[in-house]
């Protein structure tokens, strides 16, 4: 699907006219891919990289345009089971137009920063900036979800909640890799700002993007370390609780087995010191069994097992 935009009065307005300088291809079909390859001149490898979620961010210079692959959080689905994934966005900057390739229908031009546009290069940088802000939004959501799951785990220690926490920790690893990849691309943009014909305002904004991405990476790294430490602590707690349960069960079995041994000894078909005709024989044996259980319980308490 193709959407066309133009910059009018410093704002981005959707327009179906062919001469619009901004083209957004959402999961392009075969005909659209053929047009991009043959008519626009985009390399097939670059086109496929823009739609590949596993592709790392990169910046390349072609004779007629600039290729930028940037990472962005994927839209969350309930079927993902708290695994937050990332996707790739391809930005192809030509002299007089910008082509954006996205693998799914997502909102790209959102936020107040898109209400003050000066040029195609300005829009190019603000799309990158919006990807960073989207990561920060997801990090805040991860922090909120982890707090809720922590409360649930403290209540029940259910495997389901622990699995969700593992999935969040796994997601942060993906995010760290994606944010770090974006950081390298942004640094390369600053190095090649002259080739990209950036204005002084663009260079100043690029510095702000570098700072924002660095803070985003530090935030993701902090959350990842906190979750990792929490998961290690919970695993230790679960293991300790299991050991306590096994120990308690073992001691309970001992308390049961010793009286059983006493009764079994007196029930053997051999000559015993107690008379079979005496009414007190049964109660004496029961008293010995109970006394043995009390002795084990006393030793248990004394040894603080």
Protein backbone atom coordinates (compact mmCIF):
# COMPACT_ATOMS: atom_id res chain seq x y z
CA UNK A 1 0.00 0.00 0.00
CA UNK A 2 1.27 3.45 -0.94
CA UNK A 3 0.64 6.73 0.89
CA UNK A 4 1.87 10.06 -0.43
CA UNK A 5 2.58 13.19 1.58
CA UNK A 6 3.71 16.71 0.93
CA UNK A 7 5.12 19.41 3.18
CA UNK A 8 2.77 22.38 3.30
CA UNK A 9 2.91 25.25 5.81
CA UNK A 10 5.58 23.34 7.78
CA UNK A 11 3.18 20.40 8.17
CA UNK A 12 3.01 17.00 6.56
CA UNK A 13 -0.24 16.52 4.64
CA UNK A 14 -1.37 13.34 2.94
CA UNK A 15 -1.99 13.86 -0.77
CA UNK A 16 -2.49 11.45 -3.64
CA UNK A 17 -0.68 13.59 -6.21
CA UNK A 18 2.18 11.95 -8.06
CA UNK A 19 4.59 14.83 -7.44
CA UNK A 20 4.44 14.49 -3.65
CA UNK A 21 7.99 14.33 -2.26
CA UNK A 22 7.23 11.79 0.47
CA UNK A 23 6.18 8.24 -0.43
CA UNK A 24 5.43 5.65 2.25
CA UNK A 25 5.19 2.02 1.11
CA UNK A 26 3.48 -0.24 3.65
CA UNK A 27 4.37 -3.91 3.06
CA UNK A 28 4.74 -3.32 -0.69
CA UNK A 29 3.34 -5.95 -3.04
CA UNK A 30 5.17 -7.39 -6.05
CA UNK A 31 4.10 -4.61 -8.42
CA UNK A 32 5.25 -1.93 -6.01
CA UNK A 33 8.55 -3.72 -5.45
CA UNK A 34 9.05 -3.98 -9.20
CA UNK A 35 8.42 -0.24 -9.56
CA UNK A 36 10.90 0.58 -6.79
CA UNK A 37 13.56 -1.66 -8.33
CA UNK A 38 13.17 -0.71 -11.97
CA UNK A 39 11.82 2.84 -11.97
CA UNK A 40 13.16 4.34 -8.76
CA UNK A 41 16.50 2.54 -8.81
CA UNK A 42 16.50 1.00 -5.34
CA UNK A 43 18.74 -2.03 -4.99
CA UNK A 44 16.97 -5.33 -4.33
CA UNK A 45 19.17 -6.10 -1.33
CA UNK A 46 18.39 -2.73 0.24
CA UNK A 47 14.68 -3.20 -0.40
CA UNK A 48 14.65 -6.62 1.26
CA UNK A 49 16.74 -5.32 4.15
CA UNK A 50 14.18 -2.60 4.85
CA UNK A 51 11.51 -5.28 5.35
CA UNK A 52 13.69 -7.73 7.30
CA UNK A 53 13.18 -7.49 11.11
CA UNK A 54 16.56 -9.13 11.72
CA UNK A 55 18.51 -6.62 9.65
CA UNK A 56 20.86 -4.37 11.64
CA UNK A 57 20.76 -0.63 11.20
CA UNK A 58 23.10 0.70 8.54
CA UNK A 59 23.82 3.70 6.35
CA UNK A 60 24.95 3.45 2.74
CA UNK A 61 25.51 5.95 -0.05
CA UNK A 62 24.30 5.08 -3.54
CA UNK A 63 24.94 7.25 -6.62
CA UNK A 64 21.40 8.67 -6.63
CA UNK A 65 20.26 8.31 -3.04
CA UNK A 66 21.09 7.50 0.57
CA UNK A 67 19.98 4.22 2.18
CA UNK A 68 19.24 4.16 5.89
CA UNK A 69 17.95 1.14 7.82
CA UNK A 70 16.70 2.08 11.28
CA UNK A 71 15.14 -0.05 14.00
CA UNK A 72 11.79 0.58 15.66
CA UNK A 73 9.61 -1.36 18.16
CA UNK A 74 7.02 -3.62 16.61
CA UNK A 75 3.36 -3.17 17.43
CA UNK A 76 2.50 -5.46 20.33
CA UNK A 77 -0.02 -8.28 20.00
CA UNK A 78 -1.57 -10.30 22.82
CA UNK A 79 -0.36 -13.46 21.07
CA UNK A 80 3.25 -12.42 21.67
CA UNK A 81 3.04 -13.35 25.38
CA UNK A 82 4.95 -10.25 26.54
CA UNK A 83 7.71 -10.72 23.97
CA UNK A 84 8.25 -7.28 22.46
CA UNK A 85 9.92 -7.42 19.07
CA UNK A 86 11.53 -4.89 16.74
CA UNK A 87 11.17 -4.22 13.04
CA UNK A 88 13.18 -2.40 10.39
CA UNK A 89 12.27 0.77 8.52
CA UNK A 90 13.96 1.71 5.27
CA UNK A 91 14.56 5.39 4.51
CA UNK A 92 15.69 6.20 0.96
CA UNK A 93 16.66 9.84 0.72
CA UNK A 94 16.86 11.28 -2.79
CA UNK A 95 17.69 14.84 -3.74
CA UNK A 96 14.06 15.91 -4.00
CA UNK A 97 12.08 13.10 -2.33
CA UNK A 98 12.00 10.64 0.54
CA UNK A 99 10.79 7.04 0.20
CA UNK A 100 9.96 5.12 3.37
CA UNK A 101 9.44 1.35 3.47
CA UNK A 102 7.73 -0.29 6.45
CA UNK A 103 6.78 -3.98 6.78
CA UNK A 104 3.40 -3.32 8.43
CA UNK A 105 0.83 -0.57 8.84
CA UNK A 106 2.18 1.60 11.64
CA UNK A 107 1.85 5.27 12.45
CA UNK A 108 5.12 6.92 11.46
CA UNK A 109 4.31 10.61 11.50
CA UNK A 110 2.97 11.10 15.02
CA UNK A 111 3.95 13.64 17.62
CA UNK A 112 4.31 17.38 17.74
CA UNK A 113 7.76 17.28 16.11
CA UNK A 114 6.12 16.67 12.71
CA UNK A 115 4.21 19.95 12.92
CA UNK A 116 7.34 22.02 12.26
CA UNK A 117 8.99 20.71 9.11
CA UNK A 118 11.40 22.72 7.00
CA UNK A 119 12.73 20.25 4.43
CA UNK A 120 12.99 16.63 3.36
CA UNK A 121 16.18 16.29 5.42
CA UNK A 122 14.32 17.60 8.43
CA UNK A 123 11.61 14.97 7.97
CA UNK A 124 14.31 12.34 7.46
CA UNK A 125 15.82 13.11 10.87
CA UNK A 126 12.50 13.39 12.66
CA UNK A 127 11.46 9.92 11.53
CA UNK A 128 14.63 8.61 13.18
CA UNK A 129 13.90 10.68 16.28
CA UNK A 130 10.38 9.28 16.46
CA UNK A 131 11.75 5.73 16.39
CA UNK A 132 13.86 6.55 19.45
CA UNK A 133 10.88 8.08 21.26
CA UNK A 134 8.87 4.97 20.43
CA UNK A 135 11.53 2.84 22.13
CA UNK A 136 11.31 5.08 25.20
CA UNK A 137 7.51 4.69 25.27
CA UNK A 138 7.88 0.92 25.19
CA UNK A 139 10.49 1.00 27.95
CA UNK A 140 8.07 2.86 30.20
CA UNK A 141 5.42 0.24 29.45
CA UNK A 142 7.90 -2.56 30.22
CA UNK A 143 8.72 -0.91 33.54
CA UNK A 144 5.03 -0.66 34.42
CA UNK A 145 4.30 -4.26 33.40
CA UNK A 146 7.29 -5.58 35.35
CA UNK A 147 6.05 -3.84 38.51
CA UNK A 148 2.63 -5.48 38.12
CA UNK A 149 4.15 -8.90 37.45
CA UNK A 150 6.43 -8.49 40.45
CA UNK A 151 3.40 -8.04 42.69
CA UNK A 152 1.72 -11.10 41.19
CA UNK A 153 4.85 -13.20 41.61
CA UNK A 154 5.18 -12.16 45.25
CA UNK A 155 1.61 -13.34 45.80
CA UNK A 156 1.53 -16.64 43.94
CA UNK A 157 4.94 -17.52 42.41
CA UNK A 158 3.00 -18.96 39.46
CA UNK A 159 5.05 -20.24 36.53
CA UNK A 160 2.98 -18.15 34.13
CA UNK A 161 4.09 -14.88 35.71
CA UNK A 162 7.71 -15.99 35.84
CA UNK A 163 7.57 -16.86 32.14
CA UNK A 164 6.18 -13.40 31.39
CA UNK A 165 9.09 -11.84 33.26
CA UNK A 166 11.55 -13.98 31.32
CA UNK A 167 9.90 -12.79 28.10
CA UNK A 168 10.24 -9.14 29.16
CA UNK A 169 13.90 -9.72 29.95
CA UNK A 170 14.34 -11.31 26.52
CA UNK A 171 12.59 -8.34 24.90
CA UNK A 172 14.99 -5.90 26.56
CA UNK A 173 17.91 -7.79 25.02
CA UNK A 174 16.35 -7.25 21.57
CA UNK A 175 15.75 -3.59 22.37
CA UNK A 176 19.31 -3.04 23.55
CA UNK A 177 20.64 -4.54 20.33
CA UNK A 178 18.29 -2.40 18.21
CA UNK A 179 18.98 0.84 20.11
CA UNK A 180 22.71 0.23 19.94
CA UNK A 181 22.41 -0.40 16.20
CA UNK A 182 20.53 2.89 15.79
CA UNK A 183 23.23 4.67 17.76
CA UNK A 184 25.93 3.54 15.35
CA UNK A 185 23.86 4.67 12.38
CA UNK A 186 23.22 8.09 13.93
CA UNK A 187 26.93 8.56 14.63
CA UNK A 188 27.63 7.75 10.99
CA UNK A 189 25.03 10.34 9.98
CA UNK A 190 26.89 12.98 11.95
CA UNK A 191 30.17 12.01 10.32
CA UNK A 192 28.64 12.29 6.83
CA UNK A 193 26.41 15.32 7.43
CA UNK A 194 28.09 17.23 4.60
CA UNK A 195 27.27 14.49 2.07
CA UNK A 196 23.67 14.56 3.25
CA UNK A 197 23.47 18.33 2.74
CA UNK A 198 22.36 18.96 6.31
CA UNK A 199 21.74 22.53 7.37
CA UNK A 200 23.08 23.93 10.67
CA UNK A 201 19.62 23.36 12.15
CA UNK A 202 19.73 19.75 10.98
CA UNK A 203 23.14 19.23 12.56
CA UNK A 204 21.93 20.73 15.81
CA UNK A 205 18.90 18.48 15.79
CA UNK A 206 21.14 15.51 14.98
CA UNK A 207 23.11 16.20 18.17
CA UNK A 208 19.85 16.11 20.12
CA UNK A 209 19.02 12.76 18.49
CA UNK A 210 22.40 11.34 19.54
CA UNK A 211 21.84 12.43 23.15
CA UNK A 212 18.28 11.07 23.17
CA UNK A 213 19.38 7.70 21.78
CA UNK A 214 22.22 7.48 24.32
CA UNK A 215 19.79 8.12 27.17
CA UNK A 216 17.39 5.57 25.72
CA UNK A 217 20.16 2.96 25.61
CA UNK A 218 21.16 3.66 29.21
CA UNK A 219 17.54 3.38 30.32
CA UNK A 220 17.09 0.07 28.51
CA UNK A 221 20.36 -1.22 29.96
CA UNK A 222 19.27 -0.27 33.49
CA UNK A 223 15.90 -1.99 33.11
CA UNK A 224 17.61 -5.05 31.67
CA UNK A 225 20.04 -5.30 34.59
CA UNK A 226 17.26 -4.79 37.14
CA UNK A 227 15.08 -7.48 35.54
CA UNK A 228 18.03 -9.85 35.27
CA UNK A 229 18.89 -9.40 38.95
CA UNK A 230 15.25 -9.80 39.93
CA UNK A 231 14.94 -13.02 37.95
CA UNK A 232 18.10 -14.40 39.56
CA UNK A 233 16.71 -13.52 42.98
CA UNK A 234 13.35 -15.14 42.24
CA UNK A 235 15.01 -18.29 40.94
CA UNK A 236 16.99 -18.48 44.18
CA UNK A 237 13.82 -17.92 46.21
CA UNK A 238 11.95 -20.63 44.33
CA UNK A 239 14.87 -23.03 44.79
CA UNK A 240 15.08 -22.19 48.50
CA UNK A 241 11.33 -22.67 48.96
CA UNK A 242 11.57 -26.04 47.24
CA UNK A 243 14.41 -27.10 49.55
CA UNK A 244 12.41 -26.05 52.61
CA UNK A 245 9.39 -27.98 51.35
CA UNK A 246 11.46 -31.12 50.70
CA UNK A 247 13.09 -30.86 54.13
CA UNK A 248 9.72 -30.46 55.85
CA UNK A 249 8.31 -33.39 53.93
CA UNK A 250 11.32 -35.56 54.83
CA UNK A 251 11.01 -34.76 58.53
CA UNK A 252 7.28 -35.47 58.41
CA UNK A 253 8.01 -38.85 56.84
CA UNK A 254 10.52 -39.61 59.60
CA UNK A 255 7.93 -38.74 62.25
CA UNK A 256 5.59 -41.21 60.58
CA UNK A 257 8.10 -43.98 59.92
CA UNK A 258 9.54 -44.28 63.45
CA UNK A 259 6.16 -44.95 65.13
CA UNK A 260 5.40 -47.35 62.29
CA UNK A 261 8.67 -49.14 63.03
CA UNK A 262 7.77 -49.44 66.71
CA UNK A 263 4.35 -50.92 65.95
CA UNK A 264 5.82 -53.23 63.31
CA UNK A 265 8.37 -54.64 65.72
CA UNK A 266 5.71 -55.54 68.28
CA UNK A 267 3.46 -57.03 65.63
CA UNK A 268 6.01 -59.58 64.44
CA UNK A 269 5.11 -63.22 64.85
CA UNK A 270 7.88 -63.87 67.42
CA UNK A 271 8.02 -64.21 71.16
CA UNK A 272 7.86 -60.74 72.74
CA UNK A 273 8.25 -59.63 76.35
CA UNK A 274 4.68 -58.34 76.46
CA UNK A 275 1.80 -60.68 77.16
CA UNK A 276 -0.72 -61.12 74.39
CA UNK A 277 -3.45 -61.58 76.98
CA UNK A 278 -2.79 -58.31 78.80
CA UNK A 279 -5.12 -55.38 78.04
CA UNK A 280 -2.28 -52.95 78.64
CA UNK A 281 -0.03 -54.34 75.91
CA UNK A 282 -1.82 -52.47 73.12
CA UNK A 283 -1.79 -49.12 74.92
CA UNK A 284 1.83 -49.52 75.91
CA UNK A 285 2.82 -50.08 72.31
CA UNK A 286 0.78 -47.04 71.22
CA UNK A 287 2.42 -44.95 73.93
CA UNK A 288 5.88 -45.98 72.73
CA UNK A 289 4.93 -45.05 69.15
CA UNK A 290 3.62 -41.63 70.21
CA UNK A 291 6.64 -41.09 72.44
CA UNK A 292 9.01 -41.80 69.54
CA UNK A 293 7.19 -39.24 67.37
CA UNK A 294 7.43 -36.68 70.21
CA UNK A 295 11.15 -37.33 70.57
CA UNK A 296 11.71 -36.75 66.83
CA UNK A 297 9.66 -33.53 66.99
CA UNK A 298 11.67 -32.36 70.00
CA UNK A 299 14.96 -33.03 68.23
CA UNK A 300 13.58 -31.24 65.14
CA UNK A 301 12.78 -28.15 67.22
CA UNK A 302 16.02 -28.28 69.20
CA UNK A 303 18.21 -28.57 66.08
CA UNK A 304 16.10 -25.86 64.34
CA UNK A 305 15.75 -27.97 61.22
